[in-house]
């Protein structure tokens, strides 16, 4: 009976360790993905346009272009900008611009880098 109790307790401890380390790796992967996403929403403004309530910004970084949409704001071609992570939309069609974007991120706005 004593051996059975030890076996059950050791099994519970072992399973707890396995599941706790699995949880940590999941969170680490999520943090890495978030950091990667933040990095991809930064670069040099190469194109911008306003339409309705939104400003559309095309950023270029490492020869890769990324479109971002934010609430209307002033953006200047040539400036370096970073934006908060956003919701990715694939094959998004802007009726007001009469344009389709293969991929665009709707962001909460720019990241203030002057802190």
N, C-alpha and C. Protein backbone atom coordinates (compact mmCIF):
# COMPACT_ATOMS: atom_id res chain seq x y z
N UNK A 1 0.82 -1.19 0.00
CA UNK A 1 0.00 0.00 0.00
C UNK A 1 0.87 1.27 0.00
N UNK A 2 1.95 1.25 0.80
CA UNK A 2 2.86 2.38 0.87
C UNK A 2 3.55 2.62 -0.48
N UNK A 3 3.92 1.55 -1.16
CA UNK A 3 4.56 1.67 -2.48
C UNK A 3 3.60 2.29 -3.49
N UNK A 4 2.34 1.93 -3.39
CA UNK A 4 1.32 2.46 -4.30
C UNK A 4 1.17 3.98 -4.09
N UNK A 5 1.18 4.45 -2.85
CA UNK A 5 1.06 5.88 -2.55
C UNK A 5 2.26 6.63 -3.14
N UNK A 6 3.46 6.09 -2.93
CA UNK A 6 4.66 6.72 -3.48
C UNK A 6 4.60 6.80 -4.99
N UNK A 7 4.14 5.71 -5.62
CA UNK A 7 4.04 5.67 -7.08
C UNK A 7 3.07 6.75 -7.57
N UNK A 8 1.93 6.87 -6.92
CA UNK A 8 0.93 7.87 -7.32
C UNK A 8 1.49 9.27 -7.13
N UNK A 9 2.14 9.53 -6.00
CA UNK A 9 2.69 10.85 -5.73
C UNK A 9 3.79 11.19 -6.73
N UNK A 10 4.69 10.25 -6.99
CA UNK A 10 5.76 10.48 -7.96
C UNK A 10 5.20 10.70 -9.37
N UNK A 11 4.15 9.97 -9.70
CA UNK A 11 3.51 10.15 -11.02
C UNK A 11 2.92 11.54 -11.15
N UNK A 12 2.26 11.99 -10.09
CA UNK A 12 1.67 13.33 -10.12
C UNK A 12 2.75 14.39 -10.25
N UNK A 13 3.82 14.25 -9.49
CA UNK A 13 4.93 15.21 -9.56
C UNK A 13 5.54 15.21 -10.96
N UNK A 14 5.78 14.03 -11.51
CA UNK A 14 6.38 13.94 -12.84
C UNK A 14 5.48 14.58 -13.90
N UNK A 15 4.18 14.28 -13.84
CA UNK A 15 3.25 14.88 -14.81
C UNK A 15 3.18 16.39 -14.63
N UNK A 16 3.23 16.85 -13.40
CA UNK A 16 3.20 18.30 -13.15
C UNK A 16 4.41 18.97 -13.78
N UNK A 17 5.57 18.35 -13.62
CA UNK A 17 6.78 18.92 -14.22
C UNK A 17 6.70 18.94 -15.75
N UNK A 18 6.21 17.88 -16.34
CA UNK A 18 6.09 17.80 -17.79
C UNK A 18 5.16 18.89 -18.30
N UNK A 19 3.98 19.02 -17.67
CA UNK A 19 3.01 20.00 -18.15
C UNK A 19 3.46 21.42 -17.86
N UNK A 20 4.17 21.65 -16.75
CA UNK A 20 4.62 23.01 -16.46
C UNK A 20 5.69 23.46 -17.44
N UNK A 21 6.59 22.56 -17.87
CA UNK A 21 7.60 22.95 -18.85
C UNK A 21 6.99 23.11 -20.23
N UNK A 22 5.94 22.34 -20.53
CA UNK A 22 5.26 22.51 -21.81
C UNK A 22 4.63 23.88 -21.87
N UNK A 23 4.01 24.31 -20.80
CA UNK A 23 3.39 25.63 -20.75
C UNK A 23 4.40 26.74 -20.93
N UNK A 24 5.57 26.59 -20.34
CA UNK A 24 6.60 27.61 -20.47
C UNK A 24 7.07 27.72 -21.91
N UNK A 25 7.22 26.61 -22.59
CA UNK A 25 7.70 26.68 -23.97
C UNK A 25 6.64 27.31 -24.87
N UNK A 26 5.37 27.08 -24.56
CA UNK A 26 4.32 27.71 -25.36
C UNK A 26 4.40 29.22 -25.20
N UNK A 27 4.56 29.70 -23.96
CA UNK A 27 4.63 31.14 -23.74
C UNK A 27 5.89 31.72 -24.37
N UNK A 28 6.98 31.01 -24.31
CA UNK A 28 8.22 31.49 -24.93
C UNK A 28 8.03 31.61 -26.44
N UNK A 29 7.36 30.64 -27.06
CA UNK A 29 7.10 30.71 -28.49
C UNK A 29 6.20 31.90 -28.82
N UNK A 30 5.20 32.14 -27.98
CA UNK A 30 4.30 33.27 -28.22
C UNK A 30 5.07 34.58 -28.11
N UNK A 31 5.95 34.70 -27.12
CA UNK A 31 6.73 35.92 -26.96
C UNK A 31 7.63 36.14 -28.17
N UNK A 32 8.25 35.08 -28.66
CA UNK A 32 9.11 35.18 -29.84
C UNK A 32 8.30 35.60 -31.06
N UNK A 33 7.12 35.05 -31.20
CA UNK A 33 6.26 35.40 -32.33
C UNK A 33 5.84 36.86 -32.24
N UNK A 34 5.53 37.33 -31.03
CA UNK A 34 5.13 38.72 -30.85
C UNK A 34 6.29 39.64 -31.18
N UNK A 35 7.49 39.30 -30.73
CA UNK A 35 8.66 40.12 -31.05
C UNK A 35 8.91 40.15 -32.54
N UNK A 36 8.76 39.02 -33.21
CA UNK A 36 8.95 38.98 -34.66
C UNK A 36 7.92 39.85 -35.35
N UNK A 37 6.66 39.77 -34.86
CA UNK A 37 5.61 40.57 -35.47
C UNK A 37 5.89 42.05 -35.30
N UNK A 38 6.34 42.45 -34.11
CA UNK A 38 6.66 43.86 -33.87
C UNK A 38 7.77 44.32 -34.81
N UNK A 39 8.77 43.49 -34.98
CA UNK A 39 9.89 43.85 -35.84
C UNK A 39 9.43 43.99 -37.29
N UNK A 40 8.46 43.19 -37.70
CA UNK A 40 8.02 43.25 -39.09
C UNK A 40 7.16 44.48 -39.37
N UNK A 41 6.65 45.13 -38.33
CA UNK A 41 5.82 46.32 -38.52
C UNK A 41 6.64 47.58 -38.30
N UNK A 42 7.84 47.57 -38.79
CA UNK A 42 8.70 48.75 -38.72
C UNK A 42 9.50 48.85 -40.01
N UNK A 43 9.92 50.06 -40.30
CA UNK A 43 10.72 50.27 -41.50
C UNK A 43 10.60 51.70 -41.99
N UNK A 44 11.06 51.91 -43.20
CA UNK A 44 11.04 53.24 -43.82
C UNK A 44 9.76 53.39 -44.63
N UNK A 45 9.08 54.51 -44.46
CA UNK A 45 7.84 54.78 -45.21
C UNK A 45 8.21 55.04 -46.66
N UNK A 46 7.66 54.21 -47.57
CA UNK A 46 7.93 54.39 -49.00
C UNK A 46 6.69 54.86 -49.76
N UNK A 47 5.53 54.74 -49.12
CA UNK A 47 4.30 55.19 -49.76
C UNK A 47 3.25 55.39 -48.68
N UNK A 48 2.40 56.37 -48.86
CA UNK A 48 1.32 56.60 -47.91
C UNK A 48 0.14 57.25 -48.62
N UNK A 49 -1.05 56.96 -48.13
CA UNK A 49 -2.26 57.57 -48.69
C UNK A 49 -3.35 57.58 -47.63
N UNK A 50 -4.21 58.57 -47.71
CA UNK A 50 -5.34 58.67 -46.80
C UNK A 50 -6.62 58.32 -47.53
N UNK A 51 -7.52 57.68 -46.80
CA UNK A 51 -8.83 57.37 -47.35
C UNK A 51 -9.81 57.21 -46.20
N UNK A 52 -10.83 58.04 -46.20
CA UNK A 52 -11.80 57.98 -45.11
C UNK A 52 -11.14 58.25 -43.78
N UNK A 53 -11.36 57.34 -42.83
CA UNK A 53 -10.80 57.50 -41.49
C UNK A 53 -9.40 56.92 -41.36
N UNK A 54 -8.85 56.35 -42.42
CA UNK A 54 -7.59 55.62 -42.32
C UNK A 54 -6.46 56.25 -43.13
N UNK A 55 -5.25 56.01 -42.63
CA UNK A 55 -4.03 56.29 -43.37
C UNK A 55 -3.39 54.95 -43.67
N UNK A 56 -3.07 54.74 -44.92
CA UNK A 56 -2.42 53.50 -45.36
C UNK A 56 -0.93 53.81 -45.53
N UNK A 57 -0.08 52.98 -44.93
CA UNK A 57 1.36 53.22 -44.93
C UNK A 57 2.07 51.97 -45.44
N UNK A 58 2.94 52.17 -46.43
CA UNK A 58 3.75 51.07 -46.92
C UNK A 58 5.15 51.25 -46.36
N UNK A 59 5.58 50.27 -45.55
CA UNK A 59 6.91 50.29 -44.96
C UNK A 59 7.82 49.34 -45.72
N UNK A 60 9.09 49.69 -45.82
CA UNK A 60 10.06 48.80 -46.43
C UNK A 60 11.19 48.55 -45.44
N UNK A 61 11.50 47.26 -45.26
CA UNK A 61 12.59 46.85 -44.37
C UNK A 61 13.21 45.60 -44.96
N UNK A 62 14.52 45.61 -45.14
CA UNK A 62 15.24 44.48 -45.73
C UNK A 62 14.64 44.09 -47.10
N UNK A 63 14.34 45.09 -47.91
CA UNK A 63 13.77 44.91 -49.24
C UNK A 63 12.41 44.22 -49.24
N UNK A 64 11.71 44.24 -48.11
CA UNK A 64 10.37 43.66 -48.01
C UNK A 64 9.39 44.78 -47.67
N UNK A 65 8.30 44.84 -48.42
CA UNK A 65 7.29 45.87 -48.19
C UNK A 65 6.12 45.30 -47.39
N UNK A 66 5.66 46.11 -46.43
CA UNK A 66 4.53 45.72 -45.58
C UNK A 66 3.56 46.89 -45.51
N UNK A 67 2.29 46.60 -45.75
CA UNK A 67 1.25 47.63 -45.66
C UNK A 67 0.63 47.62 -44.28
N UNK A 68 0.43 48.84 -43.74
CA UNK A 68 -0.18 49.04 -42.44
C UNK A 68 -1.33 50.03 -42.62
N UNK A 69 -2.44 49.80 -41.93
CA UNK A 69 -3.54 50.77 -41.91
C UNK A 69 -3.75 51.21 -40.47
N UNK A 70 -3.83 52.52 -40.26
CA UNK A 70 -4.06 53.09 -38.93
C UNK A 70 -5.10 54.19 -39.05
N UNK A 71 -5.65 54.61 -37.90
CA UNK A 71 -6.54 55.76 -37.94
C UNK A 71 -5.76 56.94 -38.49
N UNK A 72 -6.45 57.80 -39.22
CA UNK A 72 -5.84 58.90 -39.95
C UNK A 72 -4.81 59.65 -39.10
N UNK A 73 -3.63 59.80 -39.68
CA UNK A 73 -2.53 60.51 -39.03
C UNK A 73 -1.58 61.05 -40.08
N UNK A 74 -0.70 61.94 -39.67
CA UNK A 74 0.28 62.51 -40.60
C UNK A 74 1.48 61.56 -40.69
N UNK A 75 1.82 61.18 -41.91
CA UNK A 75 2.97 60.31 -42.18
C UNK A 75 3.73 60.92 -43.34
N UNK A 76 5.06 60.90 -43.25
CA UNK A 76 5.90 61.49 -44.28
C UNK A 76 6.75 60.39 -44.93
N UNK A 77 6.73 60.36 -46.27
CA UNK A 77 7.57 59.41 -46.99
C UNK A 77 9.02 59.66 -46.62
N UNK A 78 9.74 58.59 -46.33
CA UNK A 78 11.14 58.67 -45.97
C UNK A 78 11.40 58.52 -44.48
N UNK A 79 10.40 58.72 -43.65
CA UNK A 79 10.64 58.59 -42.22
C UNK A 79 10.62 57.13 -41.78
N UNK A 80 11.38 56.84 -40.73
CA UNK A 80 11.39 55.51 -40.12
C UNK A 80 10.27 55.44 -39.11
N UNK A 81 9.48 54.36 -39.16
CA UNK A 81 8.35 54.22 -38.25
C UNK A 81 8.22 52.79 -37.76
N UNK A 82 7.62 52.65 -36.58
CA UNK A 82 7.27 51.35 -36.02
C UNK A 82 5.82 51.42 -35.56
N UNK A 83 5.10 50.35 -35.80
CA UNK A 83 3.68 50.31 -35.45
C UNK A 83 3.39 49.17 -34.48
N UNK A 84 2.35 49.37 -33.68
CA UNK A 84 1.89 48.33 -32.76
C UNK A 84 1.43 47.12 -33.58
N UNK A 85 1.58 45.91 -33.01
CA UNK A 85 1.09 44.73 -33.73
C UNK A 85 -0.37 44.91 -34.10
N UNK A 86 -0.76 44.34 -35.21
CA UNK A 86 -2.12 44.52 -35.67
C UNK A 86 -2.75 43.24 -36.17
N UNK A 87 -3.95 43.39 -36.64
CA UNK A 87 -4.69 42.26 -37.20
C UNK A 87 -4.34 42.15 -38.67
N UNK A 88 -3.90 40.96 -39.07
CA UNK A 88 -3.52 40.73 -40.46
C UNK A 88 -4.76 40.40 -41.28
N UNK A 89 -4.89 41.10 -42.39
CA UNK A 89 -5.98 40.83 -43.33
C UNK A 89 -5.34 40.42 -44.66
N UNK A 90 -5.81 39.30 -45.20
CA UNK A 90 -5.29 38.80 -46.47
C UNK A 90 -6.33 39.08 -47.55
N UNK A 91 -5.85 39.50 -48.72
CA UNK A 91 -6.72 39.85 -49.85
C UNK A 91 -7.77 40.88 -49.45
N UNK A 92 -7.32 41.91 -48.75
CA UNK A 92 -8.22 42.97 -48.30
C UNK A 92 -8.48 43.96 -49.42
N UNK A 93 -9.75 44.25 -49.64
CA UNK A 93 -10.12 45.20 -50.69
C UNK A 93 -10.66 46.47 -50.06
N UNK A 94 -10.00 47.58 -50.36
CA UNK A 94 -10.45 48.89 -49.91
C UNK A 94 -11.33 49.46 -51.01
N UNK A 95 -12.60 49.57 -50.72
CA UNK A 95 -13.53 50.10 -51.72
C UNK A 95 -13.28 51.59 -51.96
N UNK A 96 -12.91 52.33 -50.89
CA UNK A 96 -12.69 53.76 -51.05
C UNK A 96 -11.43 54.06 -51.88
N UNK A 97 -10.45 53.16 -51.82
CA UNK A 97 -9.24 53.34 -52.63
C UNK A 97 -9.33 52.60 -53.97
N UNK A 98 -10.35 51.76 -54.10
CA UNK A 98 -10.50 50.91 -55.28
C UNK A 98 -9.20 50.13 -55.51
N UNK A 99 -8.74 49.48 -54.40
CA UNK A 99 -7.47 48.78 -54.43
C UNK A 99 -7.55 47.54 -53.56
N UNK A 100 -6.87 46.49 -53.99
CA UNK A 100 -6.80 45.25 -53.22
C UNK A 100 -5.37 45.07 -52.71
N UNK A 101 -5.25 44.76 -51.41
CA UNK A 101 -3.96 44.51 -50.78
C UNK A 101 -3.81 43.01 -50.55
N UNK A 102 -2.70 42.44 -51.00
CA UNK A 102 -2.46 41.02 -50.76
C UNK A 102 -2.46 40.72 -49.27
N UNK A 103 -1.81 41.61 -48.50
CA UNK A 103 -1.75 41.49 -47.05
C UNK A 103 -1.60 42.88 -46.46
N UNK A 104 -2.37 43.16 -45.41
CA UNK A 104 -2.28 44.45 -44.72
C UNK A 104 -2.55 44.23 -43.25
N UNK A 105 -1.90 45.03 -42.40
CA UNK A 105 -2.09 44.94 -40.96
C UNK A 105 -2.85 46.18 -40.49
N UNK A 106 -3.94 45.97 -39.77
CA UNK A 106 -4.66 47.06 -39.15
C UNK A 106 -4.11 47.21 -37.74
N UNK A 107 -3.37 48.30 -37.54
CA UNK A 107 -2.63 48.53 -36.30
C UNK A 107 -3.34 49.55 -35.43
N UNK A 108 -3.04 49.49 -34.12
CA UNK A 108 -3.57 50.46 -33.18
C UNK A 108 -2.86 51.80 -33.25
N UNK A 109 -1.78 51.87 -34.02
CA UNK A 109 -1.07 53.13 -34.19
C UNK A 109 0.43 52.96 -34.07
N UNK A 110 1.13 54.08 -34.17
CA UNK A 110 2.60 54.01 -34.12
C UNK A 110 3.09 53.74 -32.71
N UNK A 111 4.29 53.19 -32.63
CA UNK A 111 4.96 53.00 -31.34
C UNK A 111 5.82 54.22 -31.12
N UNK A 112 5.66 54.85 -29.97
CA UNK A 112 6.45 56.03 -29.63
C UNK A 112 7.85 55.58 -29.26
N UNK A 113 8.81 55.88 -30.12
CA UNK A 113 10.19 55.45 -29.89
C UNK A 113 11.02 56.53 -29.23
N UNK A 114 10.42 57.67 -28.89
CA UNK A 114 11.17 58.78 -28.30
C UNK A 114 11.05 58.82 -26.79
N UNK A 115 10.98 57.66 -26.14
CA UNK A 115 10.86 57.63 -24.67
C UNK A 115 12.20 57.44 -24.04
